[in-house]
Amino acid sequence: MASSNGSVAGVATPSESALIFLGTGCSSMVPNVMCLLQPSHPPCSVCAQSLSLPPERNPNYRCNTSLLIDYCGGAGGGGAAGSRKFVLIDVGKTFRESVLRWFVSHRIPRIDSIILTHEHADAVLGLDDIRAVQPFSPTNDIDPTPIYLSQHSMDSIAEKFPYLVRKKRKEGEEIRRVAQIEWNIIADDCNQPFFASGLKFTPLPVMHGEDYICLGFLFGEKSRVAYISDVSRIPPSTEHVISKSGAGQLDLLILDSLYRTGSHNVHLCFPQTLETVKRLCPKQTLLIGMTHEFDHHKDNEFLAEWSRREGISVQLAHDGLRVPINL
């Protein structure tokens, strides 16, 4: 449901799943630090405004892209927190901040599983803070949180966070509390789906620059949702899986859009994003990964007119946005 300010709004019923946008910004986030340290003349209005309001009323404050799936599935459904599953996509540099901002207000008690799109800083540098949302144990005697990732991401994380990957302590090494993680390798192949917390995911390999494969994910049986956060080009084999003219129309596409104008070598920008939306023809699209070039209110006004003209609903998402959905 679209609200008057051009954003998608709604509150999930106790037996309904929901998507919660923990972050919708680029790697450097919004506000852009240099806009505050060395303000231009006139100053950047988006960055200035992003610090002037509390987060729940501030769609121009953007943390690293991350999505939490509040999944109410399985036999019997039900609304109790224990019967729901909470699946997180990406754990970037702003993970702890996002938890503080949104977990309490959205009543998120834990994380049941994690999926990683790739191993860049804005997707994995919050991994150490996973322990903050795990039960406390000074001896690390807790059930590990399963993480699903590609072999390439696993190899990189083993170098960045060896203490999160190593299974045994060295002789004489003291016990230190760290996040307990169960690592699960997934294929970067549309034909090899996997399950996380009971929800089926299909990997969507996309190009994040011509030298790098990043994963998006398709999920949902009742509503088909595709999440593609870091992409410069969608290969034909992946595009077939998520296009109306291919395997079937998406109910919701969540798609990368870095800059308001121009182009970029490793991300889609607004002009290419809108062309991609027209080509895939989903029922609804929410954009993520934006820099400070995007003003949430002004650009959603533009998109409202674009959507009326093209017959495809497109809006900018914002941090804290909750979208009820039947998965």
Protein backbone atom coordinates (compact mmCIF):
# COMPACT_ATOMS: atom_id res chain seq x y z
CA MET A 1 0.00 0.00 0.00
CA ALA A 2 1.45 3.40 -0.98
CA SER A 3 1.36 6.12 1.64
CA SER A 4 0.90 9.81 0.97
CA ASN A 5 4.64 10.52 1.03
CA GLY A 6 5.24 8.03 -1.79
CA SER A 7 6.63 5.16 0.28
CA VAL A 8 5.25 1.70 0.79
CA ALA A 9 3.67 1.27 4.20
CA GLY A 10 1.86 -1.40 6.15
CA VAL A 11 1.85 -3.48 9.29
CA ALA A 12 1.97 -7.25 9.04
CA THR A 13 -0.80 -9.20 10.72
CA PRO A 14 0.28 -11.80 13.32
CA SER A 15 0.14 -14.61 10.75
CA GLU A 16 1.67 -12.69 7.83
CA SER A 17 5.28 -12.52 6.69
CA ALA A 18 7.04 -9.20 6.12
CA LEU A 19 10.16 -7.70 4.58
CA ILE A 20 12.02 -5.17 6.74
CA PHE A 21 14.59 -2.93 5.07
CA LEU A 22 17.43 -2.54 7.58
CA GLY A 23 19.46 -0.47 5.14
CA THR A 24 18.92 1.06 1.69
CA GLY A 25 22.13 3.01 1.14
CA CYS A 26 25.37 2.55 -0.73
CA SER A 27 28.66 1.35 0.78
CA SER A 28 29.57 4.87 1.98
CA MET A 29 26.03 5.38 3.34
CA VAL A 30 24.01 8.58 3.66
CA PRO A 31 24.81 11.20 4.86
CA ASN A 32 28.02 11.41 2.90
CA VAL A 33 30.67 12.28 5.48
CA MET A 34 32.44 14.82 3.26
CA CYS A 35 29.19 16.75 2.81
CA LEU A 36 29.27 17.37 6.56
CA LEU A 37 33.03 17.88 7.04
CA GLN A 38 33.49 20.12 3.99
CA PRO A 39 30.00 21.36 3.07
CA SER A 40 29.46 22.71 -0.40
CA HIS A 41 27.83 26.07 -1.19
CA PRO A 42 24.92 25.67 -1.14
CA PRO A 43 25.13 22.64 1.17
CA CYS A 44 23.89 19.19 0.13
CA SER A 45 20.24 19.26 1.15
CA VAL A 46 19.90 15.46 1.45
CA CYS A 47 22.90 15.10 3.77
CA ALA A 48 21.91 18.12 5.84
CA GLN A 49 18.37 16.83 6.24
CA SER A 50 19.50 13.28 7.01
CA LEU A 51 20.75 14.39 10.44
CA SER A 52 17.88 16.70 11.27
CA LEU A 53 15.17 14.13 12.04
CA PRO A 54 14.90 10.93 14.10
CA PRO A 55 15.35 7.74 12.03
CA GLU A 56 11.69 6.70 12.04
CA ARG A 57 10.83 9.99 10.26
CA ASN A 58 13.99 10.25 8.19
CA PRO A 59 14.00 8.34 4.86
CA ASN A 60 17.15 10.11 3.66
CA TYR A 61 19.32 8.49 6.37
CA ARG A 62 20.60 5.29 4.74
CA CYS A 63 22.68 2.46 6.18
CA ASN A 64 24.30 -0.32 4.13
CA THR A 65 21.82 -2.37 2.12
CA SER A 66 20.36 -5.22 4.15
CA LEU A 67 17.01 -6.99 4.25
CA LEU A 68 15.38 -8.92 7.09
CA ILE A 69 12.73 -11.48 6.13
CA ASP A 70 10.20 -12.04 8.91
CA TYR A 71 8.92 -15.40 7.68
CA CYS A 72 5.72 -16.91 8.97
CA GLY A 73 5.61 -20.23 7.16
CA GLY A 74 5.10 -23.91 7.69
CA ALA A 75 2.15 -25.88 8.96
CA GLY A 76 -0.13 -23.98 11.26
CA GLY A 77 1.45 -20.56 10.73
CA GLY A 78 0.88 -18.54 13.88
CA GLY A 79 2.13 -15.24 15.10
CA ALA A 80 4.28 -16.04 18.15
CA ALA A 81 7.93 -15.03 17.79
CA GLY A 82 8.97 -18.64 18.42
CA SER A 83 6.99 -19.87 15.40
CA ARG A 84 8.42 -17.24 13.06
CA LYS A 85 11.81 -17.32 11.38
CA PHE A 86 14.02 -14.30 10.83
CA VAL A 87 16.34 -14.50 7.82
CA LEU A 88 18.90 -11.73 7.27
CA ILE A 89 20.45 -10.85 3.91
CA ASP A 90 23.90 -9.25 4.39
CA VAL A 91 25.68 -8.03 7.51
CA GLY A 92 27.49 -4.84 6.52
CA LYS A 93 29.40 -2.08 8.27
CA THR A 94 26.22 -0.62 9.77
CA PHE A 95 24.71 -3.87 11.05
CA ARG A 96 24.84 -2.95 14.75
CA GLU A 97 23.36 0.49 14.09
CA SER A 98 20.52 -1.08 12.11
CA VAL A 99 19.80 -3.53 14.93
CA LEU A 100 19.58 -0.67 17.43
CA ARG A 101 17.37 1.38 15.12
CA TRP A 102 14.93 -1.27 13.94
CA PHE A 103 14.95 -4.58 15.83
CA VAL A 104 13.18 -3.24 18.90
CA SER A 105 10.60 -1.16 17.02
CA HIS A 106 9.80 -4.10 14.71
CA ARG A 107 9.91 -6.62 17.57
CA ILE A 108 12.69 -8.74 16.08
CA PRO A 109 13.96 -11.01 18.89
CA ARG A 110 16.79 -12.84 17.09
CA ILE A 111 18.31 -13.90 13.76
CA ASP A 112 17.70 -17.50 12.69
CA SER A 113 19.85 -17.57 9.56
CA ILE A 114 21.92 -15.30 7.33
CA ILE A 115 22.49 -15.17 3.58
CA LEU A 116 25.36 -13.24 1.99
CA THR A 117 25.24 -11.72 -1.48
CA HIS A 118 29.02 -11.27 -1.69
CA GLU A 119 32.07 -10.53 0.46
CA HIS A 120 32.57 -6.78 0.09
CA ALA A 121 32.81 -4.64 3.21
CA ASP A 122 29.24 -3.35 3.01
CA ALA A 123 27.95 -6.94 3.09
CA VAL A 124 30.18 -8.68 5.67
CA LEU A 125 32.03 -6.30 8.00
CA GLY A 126 29.29 -6.63 10.64
CA LEU A 127 29.88 -10.36 11.07
CA ASP A 128 31.74 -9.89 14.35
CA ASP A 129 28.62 -8.24 15.82
CA ILE A 130 26.48 -11.33 15.19
CA ARG A 131 27.43 -12.36 18.74
CA ALA A 132 25.39 -9.38 20.01
CA VAL A 133 22.18 -11.05 18.81
CA GLN A 134 23.16 -14.53 20.00
CA PRO A 135 22.61 -15.94 23.51
CA PHE A 136 25.46 -15.09 25.87
CA SER A 137 27.93 -17.86 26.65
CA PRO A 138 31.48 -17.14 27.92
CA THR A 139 32.50 -20.59 26.61
CA ASN A 140 30.77 -20.23 23.21
CA ASP A 141 28.53 -23.16 24.09
CA ILE A 142 25.53 -22.12 21.98
CA ASP A 143 23.87 -23.23 18.76
CA PRO A 144 25.62 -21.55 15.81
CA THR A 145 23.79 -19.27 13.38
CA PRO A 146 23.78 -20.77 9.88
CA ILE A 147 25.20 -18.57 7.15
CA TYR A 148 24.79 -19.34 3.45
CA LEU A 149 27.39 -17.99 1.03
CA SER A 150 29.37 -18.73 -2.11
CA GLN A 151 32.75 -20.44 -2.04
CA HIS A 152 34.42 -17.21 -3.16
CA SER A 153 32.84 -15.32 -0.25
CA MET A 154 33.85 -18.10 2.13
CA ASP A 155 37.49 -17.91 1.04
CA SER A 156 37.55 -14.14 1.49
CA ILE A 157 35.86 -14.24 4.91
CA ALA A 158 38.31 -16.89 6.11
CA GLU A 159 41.05 -14.28 5.55
CA LYS A 160 39.11 -11.35 7.02
CA PHE A 161 37.70 -13.21 10.04
CA PRO A 162 39.84 -16.31 10.69
CA TYR A 163 38.61 -16.52 14.31
CA LEU A 164 35.00 -16.86 13.09
CA VAL A 165 35.91 -19.70 10.74
CA ARG A 166 38.47 -21.69 12.75
CA LYS A 167 36.87 -24.67 14.49
CA LYS A 168 39.53 -25.57 17.06
CA ARG A 169 41.62 -23.44 19.40
CA LYS A 170 45.38 -23.64 19.23
CA GLU A 171 47.15 -25.33 22.11
CA GLY A 172 47.27 -22.98 25.09
CA GLU A 173 44.87 -20.46 23.50
CA GLU A 174 42.32 -18.90 25.85
CA ILE A 175 38.60 -19.11 25.19
CA ARG A 176 37.31 -15.80 23.87
CA ARG A 177 33.68 -15.09 23.16
CA VAL A 178 33.04 -14.79 19.42
CA ALA A 179 30.04 -15.24 17.17
CA GLN A 180 29.21 -18.90 16.63
CA ILE A 181 28.56 -19.57 12.96
CA GLU A 182 27.78 -22.60 10.83
CA TRP A 183 29.09 -21.99 7.32
CA ASN A 184 27.13 -23.42 4.38
CA ILE A 185 28.40 -23.14 0.80
CA ILE A 186 25.80 -22.45 -1.90
CA ALA A 187 26.26 -22.56 -5.66
CA ASP A 188 26.12 -19.44 -7.80
CA ASP A 189 23.62 -21.23 -10.02
CA CYS A 190 19.93 -20.52 -10.66
CA ASN A 191 19.34 -24.29 -10.88
CA GLN A 192 20.61 -25.07 -7.37
CA PRO A 193 18.20 -23.62 -4.79
CA PHE A 194 18.69 -23.99 -1.05
CA PHE A 195 16.63 -23.58 2.10
CA ALA A 196 17.31 -21.15 4.97
CA SER A 197 15.04 -21.43 8.01
CA GLY A 198 12.47 -23.31 5.96
CA LEU A 199 12.28 -20.73 3.16
CA LYS A 200 13.43 -21.69 -0.33
CA PHE A 201 15.95 -19.39 -2.05
CA THR A 202 17.17 -19.51 -5.64
CA PRO A 203 20.59 -17.91 -6.25
CA LEU A 204 20.58 -15.22 -8.94
CA PRO A 205 24.13 -14.71 -10.26
CA VAL A 206 24.64 -11.17 -11.58
CA MET A 207 27.64 -9.13 -12.64
CA HIS A 208 28.93 -6.57 -10.12
CA GLY A 209 31.42 -5.22 -12.63
CA GLU A 210 32.48 -7.48 -15.47
CA ASP A 211 35.11 -9.20 -13.29
CA TYR A 212 32.91 -10.14 -10.34
CA ILE A 213 29.86 -12.33 -9.72
CA CYS A 214 27.49 -11.24 -6.96
CA LEU A 215 24.40 -13.14 -5.86
CA GLY A 216 20.85 -11.93 -5.75
CA PHE A 217 18.09 -14.20 -4.46
CA LEU A 218 14.61 -15.25 -5.56
CA PHE A 219 12.27 -16.40 -2.80
CA GLY A 220 8.58 -16.87 -2.03
CA GLU A 221 6.07 -19.38 -3.35
CA LYS A 222 2.86 -17.36 -2.97
CA SER A 223 4.56 -14.06 -3.85
CA ARG A 224 7.72 -14.15 -5.98
CA VAL A 225 10.34 -11.72 -4.66
CA ALA A 226 13.77 -11.02 -6.18
CA TYR A 227 16.44 -9.17 -4.18
CA ILE A 228 19.38 -7.84 -6.23
CA SER A 229 21.45 -5.34 -4.27
CA ASP A 230 24.74 -5.07 -6.20
CA VAL A 231 24.56 -5.36 -9.97
CA SER A 232 25.85 -3.74 -13.14
CA ARG A 233 24.48 -6.34 -15.58
CA ILE A 234 22.02 -9.21 -15.34
CA PRO A 235 23.08 -12.20 -17.50
CA PRO A 236 20.40 -13.65 -19.82
CA SER A 237 20.17 -16.92 -17.85
CA THR A 238 19.39 -15.02 -14.65
CA GLU A 239 17.10 -12.54 -16.38
CA HIS A 240 14.97 -15.41 -17.72
CA VAL A 241 14.26 -16.61 -14.17
CA ILE A 242 12.88 -13.23 -13.02
CA SER A 243 11.27 -11.71 -16.11
CA LYS A 244 7.59 -11.66 -17.05
CA SER A 245 8.53 -12.86 -20.53
CA GLY A 246 10.63 -15.68 -19.07
CA ALA A 247 9.87 -17.91 -16.06
CA GLY A 248 7.15 -15.62 -14.75
CA GLN A 249 6.34 -12.16 -13.43
CA LEU A 250 7.76 -11.08 -10.09
CA ASP A 251 5.40 -9.74 -7.46
CA LEU A 252 8.22 -7.61 -6.04
CA LEU A 253 11.64 -6.68 -7.38
CA ILE A 254 14.16 -5.08 -5.00
CA LEU A 255 16.89 -3.56 -7.15
CA ASP A 256 20.15 -1.62 -7.02
CA SER A 257 20.22 2.07 -8.07
CA LEU A 258 23.43 3.88 -7.12
CA TYR A 259 23.45 7.35 -8.72
CA ARG A 260 20.55 9.57 -9.81
CA THR A 261 22.13 10.28 -13.19
CA GLY A 262 24.82 8.85 -15.43
CA SER A 263 26.26 5.36 -15.20
CA HIS A 264 28.75 3.35 -13.14
CA ASN A 265 31.04 0.43 -13.91
CA VAL A 266 29.91 -1.86 -11.06
CA HIS A 267 26.35 -0.72 -10.24
CA LEU A 268 23.15 0.13 -12.04
CA CYS A 269 22.26 3.80 -11.85
CA PHE A 270 18.80 5.31 -12.06
CA PRO A 271 18.49 5.40 -15.89
CA GLN A 272 19.69 1.79 -16.28
CA THR A 273 17.62 0.66 -13.28
CA LEU A 274 14.40 1.97 -14.83
CA GLU A 275 15.24 0.35 -18.17
CA THR A 276 15.84 -2.94 -16.33
CA VAL A 277 12.49 -2.62 -14.56
CA LYS A 278 10.71 -2.07 -17.89
CA ARG A 279 12.45 -5.11 -19.35
CA LEU A 280 11.67 -7.44 -16.39
CA CYS A 281 8.17 -6.01 -15.88
CA PRO A 282 7.55 -6.90 -12.21
CA LYS A 283 4.29 -5.95 -10.52
CA GLN A 284 6.16 -3.68 -8.08
CA THR A 285 9.74 -2.49 -7.60
CA LEU A 286 11.55 -0.97 -4.63
CA LEU A 287 14.96 0.62 -5.17
CA ILE A 288 17.92 0.33 -2.79
CA GLY A 289 21.64 1.14 -2.68
CA MET A 290 21.15 4.89 -3.20
CA THR A 291 23.74 7.62 -2.66
CA HIS A 292 22.99 11.15 -1.42
CA GLU A 293 22.03 12.15 -4.96
CA PHE A 294 18.56 10.75 -4.24
CA ASP A 295 16.08 12.80 -2.26
CA HIS A 296 13.46 10.34 -1.00
CA HIS A 297 10.44 12.64 -1.22
CA LYS A 298 11.28 14.43 -4.48
CA ASP A 299 12.37 11.30 -6.33
CA ASN A 300 9.36 9.31 -5.18
CA GLU A 301 7.17 12.08 -6.59
CA PHE A 302 9.01 11.66 -9.89
CA LEU A 303 8.61 7.88 -9.67
CA ALA A 304 4.89 8.15 -8.93
CA GLU A 305 4.44 9.95 -12.26
CA TRP A 306 6.80 7.51 -14.04
CA SER A 307 4.83 4.57 -12.62
CA ARG A 308 1.52 5.99 -13.84
CA ARG A 309 2.98 6.52 -17.28
CA GLU A 310 4.66 3.10 -17.60
CA GLY A 311 2.10 1.03 -15.69
CA ILE A 312 4.75 -0.41 -13.34
CA SER A 313 4.92 0.64 -9.68
CA VAL A 314 8.42 1.82 -8.70
CA GLN A 315 9.44 3.62 -5.50
CA LEU A 316 12.53 4.23 -3.42
CA ALA A 317 12.68 2.06 -0.30
CA HIS A 318 13.90 3.54 2.97
CA ASP A 319 15.52 2.26 6.14
CA GLY A 320 12.97 0.81 8.53
CA LEU A 321 10.38 0.18 5.82
CA ARG A 322 8.22 -2.87 6.58
CA VAL A 323 6.37 -4.48 3.68
CA PRO A 324 3.77 -7.14 4.61
CA ILE A 325 3.84 -9.99 2.11
CA ASN A 326 2.46 -13.48 1.72
CA LEU A 327 5.41 -15.81 1.12
